[in-house]
Structures are given as structure tokens and as C-alpha cells.
N, C-alpha and C. Protein backbone atom coordinates (compact mmCIF):
# COMPACT_ATOMS: atom_id res chain seq x y z
N UNK A 1 8.05 63.32 -10.41
CA UNK A 1 8.87 62.32 -9.75
C UNK A 1 10.18 62.97 -9.29
N UNK A 2 10.69 62.42 -8.23
CA UNK A 2 11.98 62.85 -7.71
C UNK A 2 12.89 61.63 -7.61
N UNK A 3 14.17 61.86 -7.37
CA UNK A 3 15.09 60.73 -7.21
C UNK A 3 14.69 59.91 -5.99
N UNK A 4 14.21 60.57 -4.96
CA UNK A 4 13.76 59.85 -3.76
C UNK A 4 12.59 58.93 -4.11
N UNK A 5 11.63 59.42 -4.92
CA UNK A 5 10.50 58.59 -5.34
C UNK A 5 10.99 57.38 -6.13
N UNK A 6 11.91 57.59 -7.06
CA UNK A 6 12.43 56.49 -7.86
C UNK A 6 13.17 55.48 -7.00
N UNK A 7 13.97 55.98 -6.05
CA UNK A 7 14.69 55.08 -5.15
C UNK A 7 13.70 54.24 -4.34
N UNK A 8 12.66 54.87 -3.84
CA UNK A 8 11.65 54.13 -3.07
C UNK A 8 10.98 53.07 -3.92
N UNK A 9 10.72 53.38 -5.19
CA UNK A 9 10.14 52.39 -6.10
C UNK A 9 11.07 51.19 -6.27
N UNK A 10 12.36 51.46 -6.49
CA UNK A 10 13.33 50.37 -6.66
C UNK A 10 13.40 49.54 -5.38
N UNK A 11 13.46 50.21 -4.23
CA UNK A 11 13.53 49.52 -2.94
C UNK A 11 12.30 48.63 -2.73
N UNK A 12 11.12 49.17 -2.97
CA UNK A 12 9.89 48.39 -2.78
C UNK A 12 9.84 47.18 -3.71
N UNK A 13 10.20 47.38 -4.96
CA UNK A 13 10.19 46.27 -5.90
C UNK A 13 11.21 45.21 -5.53
N UNK A 14 12.41 45.64 -5.15
CA UNK A 14 13.45 44.68 -4.77
C UNK A 14 13.02 43.88 -3.54
N UNK A 15 12.46 44.55 -2.55
CA UNK A 15 11.99 43.84 -1.35
C UNK A 15 10.84 42.89 -1.69
N UNK A 16 9.94 43.31 -2.56
CA UNK A 16 8.83 42.46 -2.96
C UNK A 16 9.36 41.20 -3.66
N UNK A 17 10.29 41.38 -4.59
CA UNK A 17 10.87 40.23 -5.30
C UNK A 17 11.60 39.31 -4.33
N UNK A 18 12.37 39.88 -3.42
CA UNK A 18 13.12 39.07 -2.45
C UNK A 18 12.17 38.29 -1.55
N UNK A 19 11.10 38.92 -1.09
CA UNK A 19 10.12 38.24 -0.22
C UNK A 19 9.31 37.20 -0.98
N UNK A 20 9.08 37.44 -2.24
CA UNK A 20 8.28 36.51 -3.04
C UNK A 20 9.03 35.22 -3.31
N UNK A 21 10.32 35.33 -3.56
CA UNK A 21 11.15 34.16 -3.87
C UNK A 21 12.45 34.22 -3.07
N UNK A 22 12.37 34.04 -1.76
CA UNK A 22 13.56 34.20 -0.91
C UNK A 22 14.68 33.20 -1.17
N UNK A 23 14.38 32.09 -1.80
CA UNK A 23 15.42 31.10 -2.05
C UNK A 23 16.20 31.40 -3.33
N UNK A 24 15.71 32.32 -4.14
CA UNK A 24 16.40 32.66 -5.38
C UNK A 24 17.25 33.91 -5.19
N UNK A 25 18.40 33.98 -5.87
CA UNK A 25 19.24 35.17 -5.75
C UNK A 25 18.57 36.36 -6.44
N UNK A 26 18.82 37.53 -5.89
CA UNK A 26 18.31 38.75 -6.49
C UNK A 26 19.49 39.59 -6.93
N UNK A 27 19.58 39.83 -8.25
CA UNK A 27 20.61 40.68 -8.82
C UNK A 27 19.94 41.94 -9.34
N UNK A 28 20.42 43.09 -8.89
CA UNK A 28 19.91 44.37 -9.39
C UNK A 28 20.82 44.85 -10.50
N UNK A 29 20.25 45.58 -11.44
CA UNK A 29 21.09 46.22 -12.45
C UNK A 29 20.43 47.53 -12.85
N UNK A 30 21.26 48.45 -13.32
CA UNK A 30 20.74 49.74 -13.73
C UNK A 30 21.68 50.42 -14.71
N UNK A 31 21.09 51.24 -15.56
CA UNK A 31 21.82 51.99 -16.58
C UNK A 31 21.84 53.45 -16.17
N UNK A 32 23.03 54.05 -16.12
CA UNK A 32 23.25 55.44 -15.77
C UNK A 32 22.51 55.82 -14.48
N UNK A 33 21.47 56.66 -14.52
CA UNK A 33 20.78 57.03 -13.28
C UNK A 33 20.19 55.78 -12.63
N UNK A 34 19.73 54.85 -13.41
CA UNK A 34 19.23 53.59 -12.86
C UNK A 34 20.32 52.85 -12.09
N UNK A 35 21.58 53.01 -12.50
CA UNK A 35 22.69 52.39 -11.79
C UNK A 35 22.85 53.01 -10.40
N UNK A 36 22.69 54.33 -10.31
CA UNK A 36 22.77 55.00 -9.01
C UNK A 36 21.65 54.50 -8.10
N UNK A 37 20.44 54.41 -8.64
CA UNK A 37 19.30 53.96 -7.84
C UNK A 37 19.47 52.50 -7.41
N UNK A 38 19.96 51.66 -8.31
CA UNK A 38 20.18 50.26 -7.98
C UNK A 38 21.28 50.12 -6.92
N UNK A 39 22.36 50.91 -7.06
CA UNK A 39 23.45 50.86 -6.09
C UNK A 39 22.98 51.30 -4.72
N UNK A 40 22.14 52.33 -4.68
CA UNK A 40 21.61 52.82 -3.41
C UNK A 40 20.78 51.73 -2.73
N UNK A 41 19.97 51.04 -3.50
CA UNK A 41 19.15 49.95 -2.96
C UNK A 41 20.04 48.78 -2.53
N UNK A 42 21.04 48.48 -3.34
CA UNK A 42 21.95 47.37 -3.05
C UNK A 42 22.69 47.59 -1.73
N UNK A 43 23.11 48.82 -1.47
CA UNK A 43 23.85 49.10 -0.23
C UNK A 43 22.98 48.87 1.00
N UNK A 44 21.66 48.84 0.82
CA UNK A 44 20.76 48.52 1.92
C UNK A 44 20.69 47.03 2.23
N UNK A 45 21.36 46.20 1.42
CA UNK A 45 21.46 44.78 1.70
C UNK A 45 20.36 43.90 1.16
N UNK A 46 19.50 44.43 0.30
CA UNK A 46 18.36 43.64 -0.17
C UNK A 46 18.73 42.66 -1.28
N UNK A 47 19.85 42.88 -1.99
CA UNK A 47 20.17 42.05 -3.15
C UNK A 47 21.48 41.30 -2.95
N UNK A 48 21.68 40.28 -3.80
CA UNK A 48 22.87 39.44 -3.73
C UNK A 48 23.96 39.89 -4.70
N UNK A 49 23.60 40.67 -5.68
CA UNK A 49 24.57 41.14 -6.65
C UNK A 49 24.07 42.40 -7.32
N UNK A 50 25.00 43.11 -7.95
CA UNK A 50 24.67 44.40 -8.58
C UNK A 50 25.47 44.54 -9.86
N UNK A 51 24.79 44.79 -10.96
CA UNK A 51 25.42 45.02 -12.25
C UNK A 51 25.13 46.46 -12.67
N UNK A 52 26.18 47.26 -12.83
CA UNK A 52 26.05 48.67 -13.16
C UNK A 52 26.46 48.88 -14.62
N UNK A 53 25.59 49.50 -15.39
CA UNK A 53 25.87 49.79 -16.79
C UNK A 53 26.19 51.29 -16.90
N UNK A 54 27.42 51.62 -17.26
CA UNK A 54 27.88 53.00 -17.43
C UNK A 54 27.42 53.91 -16.28
N UNK A 55 27.85 53.58 -15.07
CA UNK A 55 27.41 54.40 -13.94
C UNK A 55 28.08 55.77 -13.95
N UNK A 56 27.29 56.84 -13.81
CA UNK A 56 27.89 58.17 -13.71
C UNK A 56 28.28 58.43 -12.25
N UNK A 57 29.15 59.40 -12.03
CA UNK A 57 29.52 59.77 -10.66
C UNK A 57 28.34 60.42 -9.96
N UNK A 58 27.55 61.20 -10.71
CA UNK A 58 26.37 61.86 -10.15
C UNK A 58 25.22 61.74 -11.14
N UNK A 59 24.01 61.89 -10.64
CA UNK A 59 22.84 61.88 -11.53
C UNK A 59 22.89 63.07 -12.48
N UNK A 60 23.51 64.17 -12.03
CA UNK A 60 23.58 65.34 -12.90
C UNK A 60 24.38 65.05 -14.17
N UNK A 61 25.43 64.24 -14.07
CA UNK A 61 26.18 63.87 -15.27
C UNK A 61 25.28 63.20 -16.30
N UNK A 62 24.42 62.32 -15.84
CA UNK A 62 23.51 61.63 -16.76
C UNK A 62 22.46 62.58 -17.32
N UNK A 63 21.90 63.45 -16.48
CA UNK A 63 20.93 64.43 -16.97
C UNK A 63 21.57 65.36 -17.99
N UNK A 64 22.76 65.84 -17.67
CA UNK A 64 23.47 66.77 -18.56
C UNK A 64 23.75 66.12 -19.91
N UNK A 65 24.19 64.85 -19.90
CA UNK A 65 24.48 64.18 -21.18
C UNK A 65 23.20 63.97 -21.98
N UNK A 66 22.10 63.68 -21.31
CA UNK A 66 20.81 63.56 -22.00
C UNK A 66 20.42 64.89 -22.62
N UNK A 67 20.58 65.95 -21.85
CA UNK A 67 20.25 67.29 -22.35
C UNK A 67 21.12 67.67 -23.54
N UNK A 68 22.41 67.39 -23.48
CA UNK A 68 23.31 67.70 -24.59
C UNK A 68 22.95 66.91 -25.85
N UNK A 69 22.65 65.63 -25.67
CA UNK A 69 22.27 64.78 -26.81
C UNK A 69 20.98 65.29 -27.44
N UNK A 70 20.00 65.63 -26.59
CA UNK A 70 18.71 66.09 -27.08
C UNK A 70 18.83 67.44 -27.80
N UNK A 71 19.57 68.38 -27.22
CA UNK A 71 19.71 69.68 -27.88
C UNK A 71 20.52 69.55 -29.16
N UNK A 72 21.45 68.60 -29.19
CA UNK A 72 22.20 68.37 -30.43
C UNK A 72 21.27 67.94 -31.56
N UNK A 73 20.33 67.05 -31.26
CA UNK A 73 19.36 66.64 -32.27
C UNK A 73 18.43 67.79 -32.64
N UNK A 74 18.06 68.58 -31.65
CA UNK A 74 17.21 69.74 -31.91
C UNK A 74 17.92 70.71 -32.86
N UNK A 75 19.23 70.87 -32.70
CA UNK A 75 20.00 71.77 -33.56
C UNK A 75 19.94 71.30 -35.02
N UNK A 76 19.91 70.00 -35.20
CA UNK A 76 19.85 69.45 -36.56
C UNK A 76 18.47 69.58 -37.19
N UNK A 77 17.44 69.51 -36.37
CA UNK A 77 16.08 69.41 -36.90
C UNK A 77 15.31 70.72 -36.96
N UNK A 78 15.74 71.73 -36.24
CA UNK A 78 14.99 72.98 -36.19
C UNK A 78 15.66 74.07 -37.01
N UNK A 79 14.87 74.99 -37.56
CA UNK A 79 15.46 76.13 -38.25
C UNK A 79 16.24 77.01 -37.28
N UNK A 80 17.17 77.79 -37.80
CA UNK A 80 18.06 78.60 -36.98
C UNK A 80 17.38 79.43 -35.91
N UNK A 81 16.28 80.09 -36.24
CA UNK A 81 15.61 80.97 -35.29
C UNK A 81 14.98 80.21 -34.12
N UNK A 82 14.70 78.93 -34.31
CA UNK A 82 14.05 78.13 -33.26
C UNK A 82 15.04 77.32 -32.42
N UNK A 83 16.31 77.36 -32.77
CA UNK A 83 17.31 76.56 -32.06
C UNK A 83 17.61 77.16 -30.69
N UNK A 84 17.73 76.26 -29.71
CA UNK A 84 18.07 76.66 -28.35
C UNK A 84 19.21 75.76 -27.88
N UNK A 85 20.18 76.35 -27.21
CA UNK A 85 21.34 75.58 -26.75
C UNK A 85 21.06 74.89 -25.42
N UNK A 86 21.92 73.92 -25.11
CA UNK A 86 21.82 73.26 -23.81
C UNK A 86 22.06 74.27 -22.69
N UNK A 87 22.97 75.20 -22.90
CA UNK A 87 23.25 76.23 -21.89
C UNK A 87 21.99 77.04 -21.57
N UNK A 88 21.16 77.29 -22.57
CA UNK A 88 19.90 78.03 -22.35
C UNK A 88 18.99 77.24 -21.40
N UNK A 89 18.85 75.95 -21.65
CA UNK A 89 18.00 75.12 -20.79
C UNK A 89 18.57 75.03 -19.37
N UNK A 90 19.89 74.91 -19.27
CA UNK A 90 20.51 74.84 -17.95
C UNK A 90 20.27 76.15 -17.19
N UNK A 91 20.41 77.29 -17.87
CA UNK A 91 20.12 78.58 -17.22
C UNK A 91 18.67 78.62 -16.73
N UNK A 92 17.74 78.14 -17.55
CA UNK A 92 16.35 78.12 -17.13
C UNK A 92 16.16 77.28 -15.87
N UNK A 93 16.74 76.09 -15.85
CA UNK A 93 16.64 75.23 -14.67
C UNK A 93 17.24 75.90 -13.45
N UNK A 94 18.40 76.54 -13.63
CA UNK A 94 19.05 77.23 -12.52
C UNK A 94 18.21 78.40 -12.02
N UNK A 95 17.42 79.01 -12.90
CA UNK A 95 16.58 80.15 -12.53
C UNK A 95 15.20 79.72 -12.02
N UNK A 96 14.99 78.42 -11.90
CA UNK A 96 13.72 77.94 -11.35
C UNK A 96 12.62 77.71 -12.37
N UNK A 97 12.99 77.59 -13.64
CA UNK A 97 12.01 77.38 -14.72
C UNK A 97 12.12 75.94 -15.21
N UNK A 98 11.00 75.24 -15.24
CA UNK A 98 10.97 73.86 -15.74
C UNK A 98 11.19 73.86 -17.25
N UNK A 99 11.79 72.79 -17.77
CA UNK A 99 12.02 72.66 -19.21
C UNK A 99 11.55 71.27 -19.66
N UNK A 100 11.28 71.15 -20.95
CA UNK A 100 10.91 69.86 -21.53
C UNK A 100 12.13 69.29 -22.24
N UNK A 101 12.46 68.05 -21.91
CA UNK A 101 13.57 67.35 -22.54
C UNK A 101 13.07 65.98 -22.96
N UNK A 102 13.15 65.70 -24.24
CA UNK A 102 12.70 64.43 -24.81
C UNK A 102 11.27 64.09 -24.39
N UNK A 103 10.43 65.09 -24.30
CA UNK A 103 9.03 64.88 -23.97
C UNK A 103 8.73 64.79 -22.49
N UNK A 104 9.75 64.94 -21.65
CA UNK A 104 9.57 64.88 -20.21
C UNK A 104 9.79 66.27 -19.61
N UNK A 105 9.00 66.59 -18.59
CA UNK A 105 9.15 67.87 -17.91
C UNK A 105 10.18 67.71 -16.80
N UNK A 106 11.27 68.46 -16.90
CA UNK A 106 12.30 68.47 -15.87
C UNK A 106 12.05 69.67 -14.98
N UNK A 107 11.89 69.43 -13.70
CA UNK A 107 11.69 70.53 -12.76
C UNK A 107 13.04 71.04 -12.28
N UNK A 108 13.09 72.30 -11.86
CA UNK A 108 14.32 72.81 -11.27
C UNK A 108 14.74 71.99 -10.05
N UNK A 109 13.76 71.47 -9.29
CA UNK A 109 14.07 70.65 -8.13
C UNK A 109 14.81 69.38 -8.55
N UNK A 110 14.33 68.72 -9.62
CA UNK A 110 15.00 67.52 -10.13
C UNK A 110 16.44 67.86 -10.50
N UNK A 111 16.64 68.97 -11.20
CA UNK A 111 17.97 69.38 -11.63
C UNK A 111 18.89 69.60 -10.43
N UNK A 112 18.41 70.33 -9.43
CA UNK A 112 19.24 70.63 -8.27
C UNK A 112 19.53 69.37 -7.44
N UNK A 113 18.54 68.49 -7.31
CA UNK A 113 18.76 67.24 -6.57
C UNK A 113 19.74 66.32 -7.29
N UNK A 114 19.85 66.44 -8.61
CA UNK A 114 20.71 65.54 -9.37
C UNK A 114 22.18 65.67 -8.98
N UNK A 115 22.57 66.81 -8.43
CA UNK A 115 23.95 66.98 -7.98
C UNK A 115 24.22 66.18 -6.71
N UNK A 116 23.18 65.93 -5.93
CA UNK A 116 23.32 65.24 -4.65
C UNK A 116 23.28 63.72 -4.78
N UNK A 117 22.67 63.20 -5.83
CA UNK A 117 22.55 61.75 -6.00
C UNK A 117 23.82 61.22 -6.64
N UNK A 118 24.62 60.51 -5.84
CA UNK A 118 25.94 60.08 -6.26
C UNK A 118 26.09 58.57 -6.21
N UNK A 119 26.93 58.08 -7.08
CA UNK A 119 27.29 56.66 -7.08
C UNK A 119 28.29 56.44 -5.95
N UNK A 120 28.10 55.40 -5.12
CA UNK A 120 29.12 55.12 -4.11
C UNK A 120 30.49 54.95 -4.77
N UNK A 121 31.50 55.60 -4.23
CA UNK A 121 32.83 55.63 -4.84
C UNK A 121 33.39 54.24 -5.08
N UNK A 122 33.09 53.30 -4.19
CA UNK A 122 33.63 51.94 -4.35
C UNK A 122 33.12 51.26 -5.61
N UNK A 123 32.00 51.74 -6.16
CA UNK A 123 31.41 51.10 -7.33
C UNK A 123 31.81 51.76 -8.64
N UNK A 124 32.49 52.88 -8.58
CA UNK A 124 32.86 53.61 -9.80
C UNK A 124 34.13 53.03 -10.42
N UNK A 125 34.29 53.20 -11.75
CA UNK A 125 35.54 52.79 -12.37
C UNK A 125 36.70 53.52 -11.68
N UNK A 126 37.88 52.93 -11.59
CA UNK A 126 38.37 51.84 -12.41
C UNK A 126 38.00 50.45 -11.92
N UNK A 127 37.22 50.33 -10.87
CA UNK A 127 36.83 49.03 -10.36
C UNK A 127 35.85 48.37 -11.31
N UNK A 128 36.17 47.19 -11.80
CA UNK A 128 35.23 46.47 -12.64
C UNK A 128 34.42 45.49 -11.81
N UNK A 129 35.10 44.75 -10.96
CA UNK A 129 34.43 43.80 -10.08
C UNK A 129 34.82 44.13 -8.64
N UNK A 130 33.84 44.24 -7.79
CA UNK A 130 34.05 44.61 -6.39
C UNK A 130 33.25 43.64 -5.54
N UNK A 131 33.79 43.27 -4.40
CA UNK A 131 33.03 42.47 -3.45
C UNK A 131 32.69 43.35 -2.26
N UNK A 132 31.43 43.44 -1.94
CA UNK A 132 30.96 44.21 -0.80
C UNK A 132 30.38 43.19 0.17
N UNK A 133 31.02 43.03 1.32
CA UNK A 133 30.75 41.93 2.25
C UNK A 133 30.81 40.65 1.44
N UNK A 134 29.74 39.87 1.37
CA UNK A 134 29.76 38.63 0.59
C UNK A 134 29.02 38.80 -0.74
N UNK A 135 28.69 40.03 -1.08
CA UNK A 135 27.96 40.31 -2.32
C UNK A 135 28.92 40.82 -3.39
N UNK A 136 28.54 40.65 -4.64
CA UNK A 136 29.39 41.07 -5.75
C UNK A 136 28.76 42.20 -6.54
N UNK A 137 29.64 43.07 -7.02
CA UNK A 137 29.24 44.22 -7.84
C UNK A 137 30.11 44.21 -9.09
N UNK A 138 29.48 44.44 -10.22
CA UNK A 138 30.22 44.54 -11.48
C UNK A 138 29.81 45.85 -12.14
N UNK A 139 30.82 46.59 -12.58
CA UNK A 139 30.58 47.86 -13.26
C UNK A 139 31.10 47.75 -14.68
N UNK A 140 30.24 48.05 -15.65
CA UNK A 140 30.59 47.92 -17.06
C UNK A 140 30.35 49.25 -17.76
N UNK A 141 31.40 49.81 -18.35
CA UNK A 141 31.24 51.02 -19.15
C UNK A 141 30.93 50.60 -20.57
N UNK A 142 29.74 50.94 -21.02
CA UNK A 142 29.30 50.52 -22.35
C UNK A 142 30.01 51.32 -23.43
N UNK A 143 30.36 50.66 -24.54
CA UNK A 143 31.01 51.36 -25.65
C UNK A 143 30.01 52.18 -26.46
N UNK A 144 30.52 53.00 -27.35
CA UNK A 144 29.66 53.87 -28.18
C UNK A 144 28.64 53.09 -29.00
N UNK A 145 28.96 51.86 -29.34
CA UNK A 145 28.02 51.08 -30.14
C UNK A 145 26.74 50.75 -29.35
N UNK A 146 26.73 51.07 -28.07
CA UNK A 146 25.54 50.86 -27.25
C UNK A 146 24.58 52.04 -27.37
N UNK A 147 24.89 53.01 -28.23
CA UNK A 147 23.96 54.12 -28.45
C UNK A 147 22.65 53.52 -28.97
N UNK A 148 21.54 54.04 -28.60
CA UNK A 148 21.26 55.27 -27.87
C UNK A 148 21.21 55.10 -26.35
N UNK A 149 21.66 53.97 -25.82
CA UNK A 149 21.58 53.75 -24.39
C UNK A 149 22.50 54.66 -23.58
N UNK A 150 23.60 55.08 -24.17
CA UNK A 150 24.59 55.84 -23.40
C UNK A 150 25.00 57.11 -24.13
N UNK A 151 25.62 58.01 -23.38
CA UNK A 151 26.10 59.27 -23.96
C UNK A 151 27.26 58.99 -24.90
N UNK A 152 27.48 59.89 -25.81
CA UNK A 152 28.60 59.77 -26.73
C UNK A 152 28.28 59.01 -27.99
N UNK A 153 27.15 58.42 -28.07
CA UNK A 153 26.77 57.69 -29.25
C UNK A 153 25.60 58.36 -29.95
N UNK A 154 25.38 57.99 -31.17
CA UNK A 154 24.25 58.54 -31.92
C UNK A 154 23.67 57.42 -32.75
N UNK A 155 22.38 57.38 -32.82
CA UNK A 155 21.71 56.35 -33.61
C UNK A 155 20.71 57.05 -34.52
N UNK A 156 20.64 56.61 -35.76
CA UNK A 156 19.70 57.21 -36.70
C UNK A 156 18.26 56.93 -36.29
N UNK A 157 17.35 57.76 -36.79
CA UNK A 157 15.95 57.66 -36.38
C UNK A 157 15.31 56.34 -36.77
N UNK A 158 15.80 55.70 -37.83
CA UNK A 158 15.16 54.47 -38.29
C UNK A 158 15.95 53.21 -37.93
N UNK A 159 17.03 53.37 -37.18
CA UNK A 159 17.87 52.23 -36.85
C UNK A 159 17.31 51.49 -35.64
N UNK A 160 17.09 50.20 -35.81
CA UNK A 160 16.67 49.35 -34.70
C UNK A 160 17.89 48.54 -34.32
N UNK A 161 18.22 48.57 -33.04
CA UNK A 161 19.44 47.90 -32.59
C UNK A 161 19.12 46.64 -31.82
N UNK A 162 19.97 45.66 -31.97
CA UNK A 162 19.89 44.43 -31.21
C UNK A 162 20.98 44.49 -30.14
N UNK A 163 20.58 44.44 -28.87
CA UNK A 163 21.53 44.55 -27.77
C UNK A 163 21.84 43.21 -27.11
N UNK A 164 21.59 42.12 -27.81
CA UNK A 164 21.90 40.80 -27.25
C UNK A 164 23.35 40.70 -26.81
N UNK A 165 24.27 41.32 -27.57
CA UNK A 165 25.69 41.23 -27.25
C UNK A 165 25.99 41.82 -25.87
N UNK A 166 25.23 42.82 -25.43
CA UNK A 166 25.47 43.39 -24.10
C UNK A 166 25.24 42.34 -23.02
N UNK A 167 24.16 41.63 -23.13
CA UNK A 167 23.82 40.64 -22.12
C UNK A 167 24.66 39.38 -22.29
N UNK A 168 25.02 39.03 -23.50
CA UNK A 168 25.84 37.84 -23.73
C UNK A 168 27.20 37.97 -23.03
N UNK A 169 27.78 39.18 -23.06
CA UNK A 169 29.09 39.39 -22.42
C UNK A 169 29.00 39.30 -20.91
N UNK A 170 27.87 39.68 -20.33
CA UNK A 170 27.73 39.70 -18.88
C UNK A 170 27.04 38.46 -18.32
N UNK A 171 26.47 37.63 -19.18
CA UNK A 171 25.74 36.44 -18.72
C UNK A 171 26.58 35.51 -17.85
N UNK A 172 27.85 35.24 -18.19
CA UNK A 172 28.63 34.35 -17.31
C UNK A 172 28.79 34.91 -15.89
N UNK A 173 28.96 36.23 -15.76
CA UNK A 173 29.08 36.83 -14.43
C UNK A 173 27.76 36.69 -13.68
N UNK A 174 26.65 36.97 -14.36
CA UNK A 174 25.33 36.85 -13.72
C UNK A 174 25.10 35.41 -13.26
N UNK A 175 25.43 34.44 -14.12
CA UNK A 175 25.25 33.04 -13.76
C UNK A 175 26.13 32.65 -12.57
N UNK A 176 27.36 33.18 -12.53
CA UNK A 176 28.26 32.87 -11.41
C UNK A 176 27.72 33.42 -10.10
N UNK A 177 27.10 34.60 -10.14
CA UNK A 177 26.52 35.18 -8.93
C UNK A 177 25.38 34.32 -8.42
N UNK A 178 24.55 33.87 -9.33
CA UNK A 178 23.43 33.01 -8.95
C UNK A 178 23.94 31.69 -8.39
N UNK A 179 24.93 31.12 -9.04
CA UNK A 179 25.48 29.84 -8.57
C UNK A 179 26.12 29.98 -7.20
N UNK A 180 26.81 31.08 -6.96
CA UNK A 180 27.47 31.25 -5.66
C UNK A 180 26.44 31.41 -4.55
N UNK A 181 25.31 32.01 -4.85
CA UNK A 181 24.24 32.17 -3.85
C UNK A 181 23.69 30.81 -3.46
N UNK A 182 23.50 29.94 -4.46
CA UNK A 182 22.97 28.61 -4.15
C UNK A 182 23.98 27.78 -3.36
N UNK A 183 25.27 27.99 -3.60
CA UNK A 183 26.30 27.24 -2.89
C UNK A 183 26.39 27.67 -1.43
N UNK A 184 26.02 28.92 -1.11
CA UNK A 184 26.11 29.38 0.27
C UNK A 184 24.86 29.10 1.07
N UNK A 185 23.81 28.57 0.42
CA UNK A 185 22.59 28.23 1.13
C UNK A 185 22.85 27.02 2.03
N UNK A 186 22.26 27.00 3.26
CA UNK A 186 22.44 25.85 4.16
C UNK A 186 21.73 24.61 3.65
């Protein structure tokens, strides 16, 4: 898969949902790289609102943080002779060698393209709420307690987390976006 493939998937699904229920508002949301893909689709005008969870400036920032988190766990779990640093994996990607991260094969092409996939500047912090034409965008930087969803956090192997609080905090904004769409209908 490439970022272009993922973007096309998001675009196709968003258009399908919009065509299936044209009278209902369509709100896109995405976490980290998903935020970039959702923002890219949103700028095409297919949705009525956009909720971004910890959007990175580039896809590479999200890949790099995933790689750092994964190699950090590897450092804890593997004997000294088997440990490999994040810098080692980055060198391999830069040299055209695919690597496995969290069970997924990362191609050098994916790594190089990740520098090009950027969040539109208008959607990045410090902006929390932005209006683009008549559509609304909300950007939320998740706190460390949202681990393992975001970088900077750590969760134990047996910890099951309840993320209801994430959606509870954003539910009023989501409801307001839906209500405003219905108010603008003829």
C-alpha cells in the first residue's frame, strides 16, 4: 500500500457514504496519518466537517514515532546481541531495504513518500477550530493517557483501555456540526 492508495480508499468511501445518504452530514476523522488522509479528502469538498486527532505535520513524523516506540519495546524484550536501534532501520529504509515494523513491511518507497504527505497548514495547531468555507475543522492533540493511540505514551501489554472519554469530550462539537448542516438545508 502507498499513501496514494490509502487516500483513494478514504475518498471512495467518503463519496460512497455521501451518495448513499446525501441528506445526512458527513464528518471525517482521522488519527495521525489517518488525519492527513482525512484532511486531504476533506479539502476536496466531500465532507461537512473534519475532526483531526493528533495530526502530524508530515506522515514521516507519524512513521518515525511508530518506529521509535516499536524499537523501544524491542530494546526491552530482546537480548543485547539481538537489539537494533531505530537509526539502523532508518538507514536501511534510506538505502532501499524494506523493514518490518510491528508486523508490517515498510517499503523504502513508503518511507520516502512519507516526507511528501503533509497536513494542510491551516489545520495544524495552534488552531483548534477552523472554518473552511462553510465547513468546520477541529484539531485535538491527544494527551499521553491516550497511549497506545499516540506517540509519547506507553501502555503495558495486558492493559485494556477505555477511550470513551476521548469521544465524550468531542461529542458536543460533532453534534453541533450535524445540527448546523440540518439548519442550512433548504
